[in-house]
Amino acid sequence: NLYWTDTGTDRIEVTRLNGTSRKILISENLDEPRAIVLNPVTGYMYWTDWGESPKIECAYLDGSERRVLVNTSLGWPNGLALDLEKEKLYWGDAKTD
């Protein structure tokens, strides 16, 4: 599957690599979704939202069980990396450097 964030429509979508079975996973309460990473081991996706209330969120790969992980001391969180071995999530913030 291919997952992506769309800042123009403020949503997170998924499709099969051949373009079939396209589905909107999250379309509510997103302001400026940016980066996205997936953890195939746990079945979670993580994404940044650098809108008016910047935050980093996660949900299962089907969009369920959505929750906020970080929503303080953020400016423009726009890059994510996932270390599967150490079970750590890293992000870059363009506003706070």
Protein backbone atom coordinates (compact mmCIF):
# COMPACT_ATOMS: atom_id res chain seq x y z
CA ASN A 1 0.00 0.00 0.00
CA LEU A 2 0.96 3.62 -0.53
CA TYR A 3 0.04 6.17 2.16
CA TRP A 4 0.25 9.96 1.82
CA THR A 5 -0.75 13.25 3.39
CA ASP A 6 -2.43 15.92 1.29
CA THR A 7 -2.05 19.47 2.57
CA GLY A 8 -4.34 20.82 -0.18
CA THR A 9 -7.33 18.71 0.88
CA ASP A 10 -6.22 18.22 4.52
CA ARG A 11 -6.46 14.47 4.61
CA ILE A 12 -4.54 11.21 4.79
CA GLU A 13 -5.18 8.61 2.10
CA VAL A 14 -4.11 5.12 1.08
CA THR A 15 -4.21 3.13 -2.14
CA ARG A 16 -2.81 -0.08 -3.51
CA LEU A 17 0.37 0.40 -5.56
CA ASN A 18 -1.62 -0.22 -8.75
CA GLY A 19 -4.00 2.66 -7.88
CA THR A 20 -6.97 0.56 -6.86
CA SER A 21 -8.81 0.59 -3.54
CA ARG A 22 -8.09 4.27 -2.85
CA LYS A 23 -9.50 5.32 0.50
CA ILE A 24 -9.55 8.45 2.65
CA LEU A 25 -8.41 7.41 6.12
CA ILE A 26 -8.50 10.72 8.00
CA SER A 27 -10.16 13.93 6.88
CA GLU A 28 -11.30 15.63 10.07
CA ASN A 29 -9.33 17.92 12.38
CA LEU A 30 -6.31 18.15 10.06
CA ASP A 31 -4.97 21.62 9.35
CA GLU A 32 -1.67 21.20 7.46
CA PRO A 33 -0.71 17.50 7.40
CA ARG A 34 2.87 17.07 6.32
CA ALA A 35 5.15 14.08 6.98
CA ILE A 36 4.01 10.49 7.43
CA VAL A 37 5.81 7.28 8.46
CA LEU A 38 4.53 3.75 8.93
CA ASN A 39 5.43 1.01 11.36
CA PRO A 40 4.57 -2.30 9.68
CA VAL A 41 5.45 -4.22 12.85
CA THR A 42 2.88 -2.52 15.11
CA GLY A 43 0.49 -1.46 12.34
CA TYR A 44 0.68 2.24 13.24
CA MET A 45 1.11 5.34 11.11
CA TYR A 46 2.48 8.61 12.47
CA TRP A 47 2.12 12.05 10.90
CA THR A 48 2.84 15.70 11.53
CA ASP A 49 0.35 18.55 11.32
CA TRP A 50 1.94 21.99 11.29
CA GLY A 51 -1.21 24.08 11.17
CA GLU A 52 -2.49 26.56 13.74
CA SER A 53 -2.15 23.98 16.54
CA PRO A 54 0.92 21.95 15.52
CA LYS A 55 0.99 18.32 16.61
CA ILE A 56 2.23 14.83 15.92
CA GLU A 57 -0.42 12.12 15.86
CA CYS A 58 -0.76 8.40 15.30
CA ALA A 59 -3.43 5.89 14.35
CA TYR A 60 -3.67 2.34 13.13
CA LEU A 61 -3.02 1.88 9.40
CA ASP A 62 -6.80 1.83 8.79
CA GLY A 63 -7.17 5.27 10.45
CA SER A 64 -8.75 3.98 13.65
CA GLU A 65 -7.71 4.71 17.23
CA ARG A 66 -6.32 8.13 16.37
CA ARG A 67 -4.48 9.98 19.14
CA VAL A 68 -2.19 12.97 19.67
CA LEU A 69 1.37 12.11 20.74
CA VAL A 70 2.92 15.59 20.97
CA ASN A 71 1.21 18.98 20.93
CA THR A 72 3.51 21.23 22.96
CA SER A 73 6.76 23.02 22.10
CA LEU A 74 6.22 22.51 18.35
CA GLY A 75 6.48 25.07 15.56
CA TRP A 76 6.35 23.48 12.11
CA PRO A 77 6.92 19.73 12.54
CA ASN A 78 7.55 18.62 8.99
CA GLY A 79 9.90 15.64 8.96
CA LEU A 80 9.58 12.22 10.62
CA ALA A 81 11.83 9.20 11.00
CA LEU A 82 11.05 5.95 12.75
CA ASP A 83 13.73 3.78 14.35
CA LEU A 84 12.07 0.36 14.46
CA GLU A 85 14.89 -1.28 16.38
CA LYS A 86 14.97 1.28 19.21
CA GLU A 87 11.23 2.00 18.97
CA LYS A 88 11.79 5.76 18.71
CA LEU A 89 10.12 8.45 16.64
CA TYR A 90 12.23 11.43 15.55
CA TRP A 91 11.05 14.67 13.99
CA GLY A 92 12.45 17.84 12.52
CA ASP A 93 10.89 21.23 13.19
CA ALA A 94 11.42 23.95 10.58
CA LYS A 95 10.36 26.79 12.89
CA THR A 96 12.37 25.88 16.00
CA ASP A 97 15.31 24.40 14.02
